[in-house]
N, C-alpha and C. Protein backbone atom coordinates (compact mmCIF):
# COMPACT_ATOMS: atom_id res chain seq x y z
N UNK A 1 -71.82 20.25 52.68
CA UNK A 1 -70.51 19.41 52.73
C UNK A 1 -68.95 20.59 52.78
N UNK A 2 -68.56 20.63 53.67
CA UNK A 2 -67.23 21.35 53.25
C UNK A 2 -65.87 20.62 52.61
N UNK A 3 -65.32 21.04 51.69
CA UNK A 3 -64.06 20.72 51.55
C UNK A 3 -62.65 21.69 51.93
N UNK A 4 -62.10 20.94 52.33
CA UNK A 4 -60.53 21.88 53.12
C UNK A 4 -59.60 21.27 52.18
N UNK A 5 -58.30 22.75 51.86
CA UNK A 5 -57.48 21.90 51.14
C UNK A 5 -56.20 22.83 51.68
N UNK A 6 -55.18 22.19 52.12
CA UNK A 6 -54.21 22.97 53.08
C UNK A 6 -52.87 22.59 52.02
N UNK A 7 -51.97 23.35 52.44
CA UNK A 7 -50.74 23.79 51.99
C UNK A 7 -49.53 24.33 52.71
N UNK A 8 -48.52 24.58 52.27
CA UNK A 8 -47.40 25.34 53.07
C UNK A 8 -46.62 24.31 53.75
N UNK A 9 -46.54 22.93 53.88
CA UNK A 9 -46.08 22.09 54.64
C UNK A 9 -44.35 22.49 54.37
N UNK A 10 -43.47 21.81 55.10
CA UNK A 10 -41.99 21.42 54.57
C UNK A 10 -41.17 21.33 55.52
N UNK A 11 -40.05 21.26 54.79
CA UNK A 11 -38.66 21.24 55.90
C UNK A 11 -37.84 22.86 56.29
N UNK A 12 -37.90 22.77 57.78
CA UNK A 12 -37.15 24.26 58.00
C UNK A 12 -36.14 23.80 58.98
N UNK A 13 -35.24 24.54 59.22
CA UNK A 13 -33.88 24.45 60.29
C UNK A 13 -34.82 24.87 61.49
N UNK A 14 -34.28 24.93 62.41
CA UNK A 14 -34.65 25.26 63.80
C UNK A 14 -34.43 26.63 63.97
N UNK A 15 -35.43 27.62 64.14
CA UNK A 15 -35.29 28.96 64.07
C UNK A 15 -36.06 29.81 63.04
N UNK A 16 -36.41 28.65 61.82
CA UNK A 16 -37.11 29.23 61.03
C UNK A 16 -38.41 29.80 60.90
N UNK A 17 -38.88 30.01 59.58
CA UNK A 17 -40.42 29.96 59.96
C UNK A 17 -40.95 29.28 58.67
N UNK A 18 -42.24 29.13 58.59
CA UNK A 18 -43.30 28.41 57.60
C UNK A 18 -44.36 28.99 58.08
N UNK A 19 -45.46 28.97 56.95
CA UNK A 19 -46.48 29.46 56.98
C UNK A 19 -47.62 28.65 56.38
N UNK A 20 -48.70 28.23 56.92
CA UNK A 20 -49.56 27.33 56.36
C UNK A 20 -50.84 27.94 56.06
N UNK A 21 -51.36 27.31 55.09
CA UNK A 21 -52.54 27.68 54.38
C UNK A 21 -53.64 26.62 54.42
N UNK A 22 -55.33 26.95 54.82
CA UNK A 22 -56.11 26.22 54.68
C UNK A 22 -57.64 26.73 53.71
N UNK A 23 -57.71 26.38 52.60
CA UNK A 23 -59.00 26.90 52.40
C UNK A 23 -60.34 25.80 52.28
N UNK A 24 -61.16 26.53 52.80
CA UNK A 24 -62.71 25.96 52.69
C UNK A 24 -63.46 26.49 51.78
N UNK A 25 -63.96 25.40 51.26
CA UNK A 25 -65.30 25.87 50.18
C UNK A 25 -66.41 24.73 50.47
N UNK A 26 -67.79 25.52 50.18
CA UNK A 26 -69.30 24.75 50.49
C UNK A 26 -69.88 25.48 51.50
N UNK A 27 -69.12 26.27 52.52
CA UNK A 27 -70.26 26.84 53.62
C UNK A 27 -69.26 28.01 53.73
N UNK A 28 -69.75 29.13 54.24
CA UNK A 28 -69.34 30.07 55.06
C UNK A 28 -69.66 30.57 56.58
N UNK A 29 -69.01 31.43 57.27
CA UNK A 29 -69.01 31.73 58.17
C UNK A 29 -68.89 30.48 59.07
N UNK A 30 -67.81 29.87 59.06
CA UNK A 30 -67.17 28.64 59.87
C UNK A 30 -66.09 29.08 60.97
N UNK A 31 -66.19 28.55 61.90
CA UNK A 31 -64.72 28.70 63.01
C UNK A 31 -63.71 27.98 62.09
N UNK A 32 -62.34 27.95 62.44
CA UNK A 32 -61.55 27.23 61.74
C UNK A 32 -60.22 27.12 62.71
N UNK A 33 -59.40 25.96 62.46
CA UNK A 33 -58.15 26.14 63.36
C UNK A 33 -57.06 25.02 62.93
N UNK A 34 -56.30 24.87 63.29
CA UNK A 34 -55.20 23.18 63.55
C UNK A 34 -55.00 22.78 64.55
N UNK A 35 -54.51 21.68 64.42
CA UNK A 35 -54.04 20.73 65.42
C UNK A 35 -53.10 20.08 64.68
N UNK A 36 -52.32 19.22 65.51
CA UNK A 36 -51.04 18.58 64.90
C UNK A 36 -50.82 17.47 65.80
N UNK A 37 -50.34 16.40 64.72
CA UNK A 37 -50.09 15.27 65.24
C UNK A 37 -48.28 14.96 65.47
N UNK A 38 -47.63 14.94 66.19
CA UNK A 38 -46.34 14.46 66.26
C UNK A 38 -46.36 12.64 65.86
N UNK A 39 -45.25 12.29 65.48
CA UNK A 39 -45.16 10.47 65.48
C UNK A 39 -45.04 9.89 67.03
N UNK A 40 -45.68 9.21 67.14
CA UNK A 40 -46.08 8.61 68.53
C UNK A 40 -46.53 9.31 69.74
N UNK A 41 -47.61 10.16 69.40
CA UNK A 41 -48.25 11.14 70.25
C UNK A 41 -49.48 11.41 69.51
N UNK A 42 -50.38 12.05 70.35
CA UNK A 42 -51.88 12.09 69.80
C UNK A 42 -52.06 13.20 69.81
N UNK A 43 -53.28 13.71 68.57
CA UNK A 43 -53.33 15.10 67.98
C UNK A 43 -53.47 16.00 69.02
N UNK A 44 -52.81 17.02 69.01
CA UNK A 44 -53.32 17.85 70.11
C UNK A 44 -53.54 19.74 69.13
N UNK A 45 -54.26 20.53 70.02
CA UNK A 45 -54.65 21.30 69.79
C UNK A 45 -53.58 22.40 69.59
N UNK A 46 -53.43 23.34 68.03
CA UNK A 46 -52.71 24.31 68.27
C UNK A 46 -53.40 25.74 68.04
N UNK A 47 -54.03 26.01 67.43
CA UNK A 47 -54.39 27.13 66.99
C UNK A 47 -56.00 27.31 66.59
N UNK A 48 -57.05 28.24 67.11
CA UNK A 48 -58.37 28.43 66.39
C UNK A 48 -58.99 29.94 66.36
N UNK A 49 -59.64 29.91 65.15
CA UNK A 49 -60.11 31.36 65.12
C UNK A 49 -61.32 31.35 64.72
N UNK A 50 -62.12 32.16 65.30
CA UNK A 50 -63.47 32.57 65.25
C UNK A 50 -63.95 32.80 63.70
N UNK A 51 -65.01 32.67 63.05
CA UNK A 51 -65.54 33.10 61.56
C UNK A 51 -65.10 34.24 61.23
N UNK A 52 -65.03 35.21 62.13
CA UNK A 52 -64.97 36.74 61.43
C UNK A 52 -63.09 37.23 62.10
N UNK A 53 -62.63 36.18 62.64
CA UNK A 53 -61.25 36.68 63.22
C UNK A 53 -61.37 37.72 64.57
N UNK A 54 -62.62 37.80 64.82
CA UNK A 54 -62.39 38.36 66.32
C UNK A 54 -61.72 37.65 67.62
N UNK A 55 -61.71 36.30 67.29
CA UNK A 55 -61.13 35.55 68.59
C UNK A 55 -60.22 34.82 68.08
N UNK A 56 -59.38 34.61 68.66
CA UNK A 56 -58.10 33.87 68.29
C UNK A 56 -57.59 32.91 70.05
N UNK A 57 -57.10 31.84 69.68
CA UNK A 57 -56.85 30.98 70.51
C UNK A 57 -55.73 29.85 70.87
N UNK A 58 -54.90 29.88 71.54
CA UNK A 58 -53.39 29.23 70.90
C UNK A 58 -53.24 28.39 72.34
N UNK A 59 -52.51 27.41 71.85
CA UNK A 59 -52.31 26.13 72.86
C UNK A 59 -50.99 26.85 73.67
N UNK A 60 -50.56 26.72 74.59
CA UNK A 60 -49.38 27.19 75.68
C UNK A 60 -48.14 26.84 74.91
N UNK A 61 -47.64 26.04 74.46
CA UNK A 61 -46.41 25.52 73.73
C UNK A 61 -46.30 26.25 72.35
N UNK A 62 -47.52 26.80 72.09
CA UNK A 62 -47.05 28.05 70.68
C UNK A 62 -47.31 29.07 70.48
N UNK A 63 -47.88 29.76 71.93
CA UNK A 63 -48.18 30.88 71.93
C UNK A 63 -47.06 31.80 72.04
N UNK A 64 -47.33 33.01 71.46
CA UNK A 64 -45.73 34.09 71.11
C UNK A 64 -45.24 33.55 69.92
N UNK A 65 -45.18 32.44 69.29
CA UNK A 65 -44.57 32.02 68.58
C UNK A 65 -45.25 31.94 67.07
N UNK A 66 -46.40 31.79 66.88
CA UNK A 66 -47.35 30.98 66.31
C UNK A 66 -48.77 32.05 65.89
N UNK A 67 -48.88 32.30 64.70
CA UNK A 67 -50.20 33.63 64.61
C UNK A 67 -51.05 32.89 63.65
N UNK A 68 -52.01 32.57 63.90
CA UNK A 68 -53.42 32.66 63.12
C UNK A 68 -54.11 33.69 62.71
N UNK A 69 -54.29 33.47 61.39
CA UNK A 69 -55.02 34.83 60.78
C UNK A 69 -56.12 34.19 59.60
N UNK A 70 -57.20 35.20 59.11
CA UNK A 70 -57.80 34.55 58.24
C UNK A 70 -58.36 35.46 57.24
N UNK A 71 -58.54 35.39 56.21
CA UNK A 71 -59.17 36.09 54.64
C UNK A 71 -60.68 35.69 54.87
N UNK A 72 -61.74 36.57 55.09
CA UNK A 72 -63.12 35.73 55.20
C UNK A 72 -63.53 35.83 53.82
N UNK A 73 -63.35 36.70 53.12
CA UNK A 73 -63.78 36.35 51.52
C UNK A 73 -63.16 35.46 50.85
N UNK A 74 -61.97 34.85 51.07
CA UNK A 74 -61.29 33.82 50.61
C UNK A 74 -61.36 32.16 51.30
N UNK A 75 -62.56 32.63 52.64
CA UNK A 75 -62.75 31.59 53.43
C UNK A 75 -61.47 30.62 53.48
N UNK A 76 -60.25 31.28 53.83
CA UNK A 76 -58.71 30.90 54.28
C UNK A 76 -58.29 31.12 55.79
N UNK A 77 -57.68 30.42 56.17
CA UNK A 77 -57.41 30.75 57.43
C UNK A 77 -55.54 30.28 56.86
N UNK A 78 -54.51 31.28 58.14
CA UNK A 78 -53.49 30.61 57.89
C UNK A 78 -52.78 30.83 59.24
N UNK A 79 -51.53 29.86 59.12
CA UNK A 79 -50.96 29.73 60.16
C UNK A 79 -49.22 30.12 60.38
N UNK A 80 -48.96 31.23 60.84
CA UNK A 80 -47.84 31.48 60.33
C UNK A 80 -46.68 31.01 61.82
N UNK A 81 -45.88 30.23 61.35
CA UNK A 81 -45.32 29.34 62.49
C UNK A 81 -43.75 30.16 62.42
N UNK A 82 -43.39 31.23 63.49
CA UNK A 82 -41.87 31.55 63.62
C UNK A 82 -41.36 30.58 64.69
N UNK A 83 -39.85 30.88 64.90
CA UNK A 83 -39.08 30.24 66.20
C UNK A 83 -39.13 28.99 65.78
N UNK A 84 -39.27 28.12 64.79
CA UNK A 84 -39.68 26.92 64.91
C UNK A 84 -38.69 25.81 65.53
N UNK A 85 -39.10 24.90 66.45
CA UNK A 85 -38.36 23.70 67.06
C UNK A 85 -38.33 22.58 66.73
N UNK A 86 -37.15 21.85 66.80
CA UNK A 86 -37.61 20.60 66.15
C UNK A 86 -38.93 19.45 66.68
N UNK A 87 -39.28 20.20 68.26
CA UNK A 87 -40.22 19.70 68.66
C UNK A 87 -41.92 20.26 67.86
N UNK A 88 -41.88 20.70 67.29
CA UNK A 88 -42.79 21.28 66.18
C UNK A 88 -43.02 20.58 65.11
N UNK A 89 -42.30 19.90 64.83
CA UNK A 89 -42.52 18.58 63.99
C UNK A 89 -43.41 17.62 64.24
N UNK A 90 -44.43 17.53 63.04
CA UNK A 90 -45.80 16.76 63.15
C UNK A 90 -46.56 17.19 61.89
N UNK A 91 -47.67 16.34 61.46
CA UNK A 91 -48.22 16.69 60.77
C UNK A 91 -49.44 17.67 61.04
N UNK A 92 -49.74 18.52 60.31
CA UNK A 92 -50.52 19.73 60.82
C UNK A 92 -52.18 19.66 60.24
N UNK A 93 -53.10 19.52 61.13
CA UNK A 93 -54.53 19.10 60.13
C UNK A 93 -55.47 20.43 60.46
N UNK A 94 -55.81 21.02 59.49
CA UNK A 94 -56.99 21.98 59.40
C UNK A 94 -57.98 21.62 60.14
N UNK A 95 -58.70 21.94 60.70
CA UNK A 95 -60.38 21.42 61.27
C UNK A 95 -61.18 22.68 60.90
N UNK A 96 -62.43 22.57 60.98
CA UNK A 96 -63.70 23.39 60.84
C UNK A 96 -64.77 22.96 61.68
N UNK A 97 -65.32 24.04 62.04
CA UNK A 97 -66.47 23.92 63.00
C UNK A 97 -67.72 24.68 62.10
N UNK A 98 -68.89 23.79 62.09
CA UNK A 98 -69.95 24.21 61.80
C UNK A 98 -70.88 25.55 62.60
N UNK A 99 -70.04 26.59 63.04
CA UNK A 99 -70.73 27.25 63.78
C UNK A 99 -69.40 28.19 63.81
N UNK A 100 -69.96 29.65 64.44
CA UNK A 100 -69.06 31.10 64.17
C UNK A 100 -67.83 30.99 65.10
N UNK A 101 -68.13 30.21 66.20
CA UNK A 101 -66.87 30.51 67.38
C UNK A 101 -66.28 28.82 67.33
N UNK A 102 -64.86 29.17 67.97
CA UNK A 102 -64.18 27.96 67.89
C UNK A 102 -64.22 27.06 69.07
N UNK A 103 -63.46 26.28 69.01
CA UNK A 103 -63.42 25.37 70.28
C UNK A 103 -62.30 24.55 69.92
N UNK A 104 -61.45 24.44 71.12
CA UNK A 104 -60.31 23.69 71.19
C UNK A 104 -60.53 22.25 71.02
N UNK A 105 -61.41 21.93 71.34
CA UNK A 105 -61.88 20.38 71.69
C UNK A 105 -61.89 19.41 70.41
N UNK A 106 -61.38 18.36 70.14
CA UNK A 106 -61.33 17.69 68.77
C UNK A 106 -62.69 17.14 68.28
N UNK A 107 -63.52 16.78 69.42
CA UNK A 107 -64.44 16.08 69.51
C UNK A 107 -66.04 17.21 68.55
N UNK A 108 -65.25 18.73 68.56
CA UNK A 108 -66.10 19.69 67.89
C UNK A 108 -66.05 20.06 66.67
N UNK A 109 -64.70 19.44 66.22
CA UNK A 109 -64.66 19.81 64.66
C UNK A 109 -65.58 19.03 63.90
N UNK A 110 -66.10 19.43 63.13
CA UNK A 110 -66.69 18.84 62.24
C UNK A 110 -66.20 18.36 60.49
N UNK A 111 -65.17 19.16 60.52
CA UNK A 111 -64.49 18.23 59.25
C UNK A 111 -62.97 18.36 59.36
N UNK A 112 -62.28 17.71 58.71
CA UNK A 112 -60.74 17.65 58.62
C UNK A 112 -60.43 18.11 57.51
N UNK A 113 -58.87 18.43 57.37
CA UNK A 113 -58.19 18.14 56.08
C UNK A 113 -57.39 16.98 56.23
N UNK A 114 -56.51 17.07 55.26
CA UNK A 114 -55.57 15.96 54.78
C UNK A 114 -54.62 15.46 55.75
N UNK A 115 -54.30 17.11 55.87
CA UNK A 115 -52.90 17.35 56.87
C UNK A 115 -51.60 17.16 56.00
N UNK A 116 -50.61 18.00 56.63
CA UNK A 116 -49.39 18.64 55.92
C UNK A 116 -48.29 18.46 56.65
N UNK A 117 -47.41 18.05 56.20
CA UNK A 117 -46.30 17.59 57.14
C UNK A 117 -45.10 18.78 57.55
N UNK A 118 -44.96 18.99 58.27
CA UNK A 118 -43.74 20.08 59.22
C UNK A 118 -42.83 19.39 59.69
N UNK A 119 -41.61 19.56 59.07
CA UNK A 119 -40.41 19.04 59.84
C UNK A 119 -39.28 20.27 60.44
N UNK A 120 -38.71 20.01 61.63
CA UNK A 120 -38.06 21.37 61.74
C UNK A 120 -36.75 20.45 62.15
N UNK A 121 -35.82 20.71 61.52
CA UNK A 121 -34.42 19.83 62.00
C UNK A 121 -33.47 20.50 63.00
N UNK A 122 -32.84 20.13 63.59
CA UNK A 122 -32.12 20.82 64.73
C UNK A 122 -30.41 21.21 64.41
């Protein structure tokens, strides 16, 4: 069993920055990533990273603005979000795969965090 603890959400003005964190415990060598769900919309993929940080994947809507990284020793991933827009407002969920390579498909995630709210005001 894998436990996930997310932190770092909050309220920020458009153009601002936030950093989300997700710490995993219970297993090592996990691919991890982020999804988000805006009000009235389906959950969508944001970014993912392989277990050793060797490969990262981003959705087109955040590419160039968001950066995913990880601390292998701490089993923690980070999502640095710059140039935030009101349309980035959503609940952000950390997701984990019981494998070393990331997949952007929701059905491939094995564990989910509780979610953290990000609100971007215009």
